[in-house]
Protein backbone atom coordinates (compact mmCIF):
# COMPACT_ATOMS: atom_id res chain seq x y z
CA MET A 1 -18.32 10.37 -2.77
CA GLU A 2 -16.24 14.15 -2.10
CA LEU A 3 -12.72 14.12 -4.20
CA VAL A 4 -10.07 14.52 -1.26
CA PRO A 5 -6.87 16.90 -2.19
CA TRP A 6 -3.92 15.19 -3.57
CA ILE A 7 -1.42 15.83 -1.34
CA PRO A 8 2.32 14.06 -2.68
CA THR A 9 4.15 11.57 -0.53
CA PRO A 10 7.55 12.95 0.27
CA HIS A 11 10.28 11.99 -0.94
CA ALA A 12 12.08 10.60 2.17
CA ILE A 13 8.69 8.47 2.57
CA ILE A 14 9.08 6.82 -0.74
CA GLU A 15 13.42 6.53 0.05
CA TYR A 16 12.64 4.87 3.72
CA LEU A 17 9.81 2.56 1.99
CA VAL A 18 12.15 1.61 -0.84
CA ASN A 19 14.78 0.68 1.41
CA SER A 20 13.34 -0.95 3.91
CA ILE A 21 10.10 -3.22 1.84
CA ASN A 22 12.90 -5.30 0.31
CA ILE A 23 10.41 -5.31 -2.60
CA ASP A 24 10.95 -7.49 -5.77
CA ARG A 25 9.64 -9.15 -8.96
CA ASP A 26 7.11 -10.85 -6.94
CA ASP A 27 5.37 -8.31 -4.86
CA THR A 28 2.75 -6.28 -6.33
CA VAL A 29 2.34 -2.91 -4.68
CA LEU A 30 -1.31 -1.05 -4.66
CA ASP A 31 -1.45 2.67 -4.04
CA MET A 32 -5.16 3.51 -3.59
CA GLY A 33 -5.55 7.15 -4.29
CA CYS A 34 -1.95 7.14 -6.56
CA GLY A 35 -2.04 10.68 -7.37
CA ASP A 36 0.92 11.14 -10.06
CA GLY A 37 2.29 7.60 -8.94
CA ARG A 38 5.48 8.19 -7.54
CA VAL A 39 5.36 5.32 -5.04
CA ILE A 40 4.32 2.93 -7.55
CA LEU A 41 6.66 4.41 -9.92
CA SER A 42 9.41 3.91 -7.69
CA PHE A 43 8.59 0.33 -6.59
CA ALA A 44 8.39 -0.66 -10.12
CA ARG A 45 11.42 0.56 -11.04
CA LEU A 46 12.42 -1.94 -8.98
CA GLY A 47 11.16 -4.98 -10.50
CA ALA A 48 7.73 -4.44 -8.55
CA ASN A 49 3.90 -4.51 -10.18
CA GLY A 50 2.30 -1.91 -9.47
CA ILE A 51 -1.72 -0.87 -9.63
CA CYS A 52 -2.69 2.48 -9.28
CA ILE A 53 -6.34 3.29 -8.38
CA GLU A 54 -6.93 6.85 -8.79
CA ILE A 55 -9.92 8.80 -9.59
CA ASP A 56 -8.69 11.94 -11.32
CA LYS A 57 -8.45 11.49 -14.86
CA THR A 58 -5.41 13.78 -15.00
CA LEU A 59 -3.11 12.21 -12.42
CA CYS A 60 -3.80 8.71 -14.36
CA ASN A 61 -2.45 10.43 -17.31
CA ILE A 62 0.49 11.33 -15.68
CA VAL A 63 1.22 8.04 -13.94
CA GLU A 64 0.55 6.48 -17.78
CA ILE A 65 2.98 8.93 -19.40
CA SER A 66 5.58 8.59 -16.29
CA SER A 67 5.58 4.86 -16.64
CA GLN A 68 6.66 4.99 -20.26
CA LEU A 69 9.33 8.05 -19.87
CA LEU A 70 10.82 5.39 -17.27
CA ASN A 71 10.19 2.49 -19.04
CA VAL A 72 8.15 0.72 -16.52
CA LYS A 73 5.09 0.84 -18.54
CA ASP A 74 4.95 -3.29 -18.54
CA LYS A 75 4.57 -3.07 -14.87
CA ILE A 76 2.29 -0.76 -13.96
CA ARG A 77 -1.63 -1.11 -14.49
CA VAL A 78 -3.76 2.25 -13.74
CA ILE A 79 -7.47 2.00 -12.88
CA CYS A 80 -9.26 5.45 -13.16
CA ARG A 81 -12.10 4.87 -10.91
CA ASP A 82 -13.21 5.38 -7.57
CA PHE A 83 -11.64 3.15 -5.19
CA PHE A 84 -14.40 1.63 -3.45
CA THR A 85 -16.34 0.50 -6.74
CA VAL A 86 -12.97 -1.85 -7.43
CA SER A 87 -13.03 -5.74 -5.91
CA LEU A 88 -9.80 -6.23 -4.62
CA SER A 89 -10.00 -9.17 -4.13
CA ASP A 90 -10.02 -9.36 -8.43
CA LEU A 91 -6.79 -7.76 -8.90
CA GLU A 92 -4.51 -9.50 -11.04
CA PRO A 93 -1.77 -9.79 -9.68
CA ALA A 94 -3.21 -9.91 -6.17
CA PRO A 95 -1.46 -7.18 -4.30
CA THR A 96 1.64 -8.22 -1.57
CA ILE A 97 1.55 -5.24 -0.58
CA ILE A 98 -1.19 -1.70 -0.34
CA TYR A 99 0.04 1.86 0.48
CA LEU A 100 -2.26 4.57 1.54
CA TYR A 101 -2.07 8.04 2.08
CA LEU A 102 -5.51 8.95 2.67
CA TYR A 103 -7.34 10.68 5.31
CA ARG A 104 -8.53 9.25 8.67
CA SER A 105 -12.03 9.39 7.68
CA ILE A 106 -11.30 7.52 4.51
CA LEU A 107 -9.14 4.88 6.25
CA GLU A 108 -11.87 3.82 8.55
CA GLU A 109 -14.45 3.19 5.65
CA ILE A 110 -11.95 1.24 3.55
CA ALA A 111 -11.01 -0.83 6.59
CA LYS A 112 -13.46 -2.80 6.21
CA LYS A 113 -13.02 -3.58 2.21
CA LEU A 114 -9.55 -4.03 2.92
CA GLU A 115 -10.22 -7.27 5.62
CA LYS A 116 -12.66 -8.28 3.69
CA GLU A 117 -11.17 -8.58 0.40
CA LEU A 118 -7.57 -8.64 0.50
CA SER A 119 -5.75 -12.47 1.26
CA ILE A 120 -4.06 -13.48 4.31
CA GLY A 121 -0.39 -11.93 4.46
CA THR A 122 -0.94 -8.73 2.69
CA ILE A 123 0.70 -5.69 4.14
CA ILE A 124 -0.87 -2.28 4.10
CA VAL A 125 1.25 0.84 4.92
CA THR A 126 -0.84 3.99 6.18
CA LEU A 127 1.24 7.34 5.89
CA ASP A 128 0.48 9.96 8.63
CA PHE A 129 -3.05 8.03 9.98
CA PRO A 130 -3.39 4.87 11.61
CA ILE A 131 -6.34 2.78 11.29
CA SER A 132 -7.89 3.18 14.40
CA SER A 133 -10.11 -0.11 14.62
CA TRP A 134 -6.85 -2.08 13.82
CA SER A 135 -3.43 -3.07 15.89
CA PRO A 136 -0.55 -1.92 13.56
CA PHE A 137 2.99 -4.39 13.66
CA PHE A 138 5.22 -1.59 13.47
CA VAL A 139 5.01 1.80 13.64
CA LYS A 140 7.95 4.31 11.76
CA HIS A 141 8.85 7.83 13.00
CA ILE A 142 10.41 10.11 9.98
CA VAL A 143 11.20 13.40 10.09
CA ASP A 144 10.90 14.19 5.72
CA GLU A 145 12.80 16.58 3.66
CA ASN A 146 10.77 19.68 4.76
CA GLY A 147 11.47 18.70 8.43
CA PHE A 148 8.13 17.49 9.27
CA ASP A 149 7.41 14.83 11.59
CA ARG A 150 5.74 12.00 9.55
CA PHE A 151 4.37 8.27 10.85
CA LEU A 152 4.15 5.17 8.72
CA TRP A 153 1.31 2.39 10.12
CA PHE A 154 2.76 -1.14 9.22
CA TYR A 155 -0.28 -3.53 9.01
CA VAL A 156 -1.01 -7.15 7.94
CA ILE A 157 -3.93 -9.19 7.50
CA GLY A 158 -4.46 -11.75 9.60
CA ILE A 159 -2.78 -10.12 12.53
CA SER A 160 -4.04 -6.75 12.49
CA ASN A 161 -7.42 -6.60 11.30
CA PRO A 162 -10.17 -7.07 13.95
CA MET A 163 -11.65 -10.48 12.05
CA ALA A 164 -8.25 -11.38 13.10
CA ARG A 165 -8.39 -11.58 16.72
CA ARG A 166 -11.69 -13.48 16.70
CA PHE A 167 -9.91 -15.90 13.80
CA VAL A 168 -8.96 -19.43 14.71
CA PHE A 169 -5.92 -20.70 12.18
CA THR A 170 -6.85 -24.13 11.85
CA GLU A 171 -3.81 -24.68 9.78
CA ASP A 172 -0.05 -23.65 9.83
CA GLU A 173 0.45 -22.61 6.62
CA HIS A 174 -1.76 -19.14 7.05
CA ILE A 175 0.64 -18.83 10.11
CA ASN A 176 3.84 -19.93 7.41
CA LEU A 177 2.96 -17.14 4.96
CA ILE A 178 2.56 -14.65 7.09
CA GLN A 179 6.05 -15.03 8.34
CA THR A 180 7.40 -15.60 4.95
CA ARG A 181 5.99 -12.39 3.81
CA LEU A 182 7.41 -10.45 6.99
CA ALA A 183 10.94 -12.43 6.98
CA LYS A 184 11.83 -10.50 4.11
CA ARG A 185 11.11 -7.08 5.20
CA LYS A 186 13.90 -5.17 6.27
CA LEU A 187 11.38 -2.25 8.42
CA TYR A 188 13.40 -2.44 11.70
CA LEU A 189 16.81 -2.04 10.17
CA TYR A 190 16.34 1.74 9.01
């Protein structure tokens, strides 16, 4: 697989996410293609666990060093591999939120993996590009610090993914889990 260039997430986006997702110690945030780790490090400083998957060894080292400098080393796990080769269902602790700032073509490739390997109620956030075959439950427009229009697309496994449209909930526990995970988020307030 060809490497895609790393483009950092703007600070305005991180600020919105930090203030709207209502992260706590029970959350584990997974950033697939985490670059220098700025998103995960911001969430770890709020108490969440963070998992970075990054193929570039130099960027992996930057995340490791930054996590030490910010005293969140115990909250961060760096996996220096191609994210297509990592089993998301085997990650411990299991991710509750996935952040993706990837090209549209990569999002389309990874959509089936997300649907297959993530548990019901997992929130997925993409920056700038939607997952075209999925239905977002929320879209947020933000003008970043450089004056560029940005869009955050929010999805949840069990509602947004194509398989959910064919899935019949036989037990209320699935619906309750999704409601619980979404209820603590403050997305509409900002």
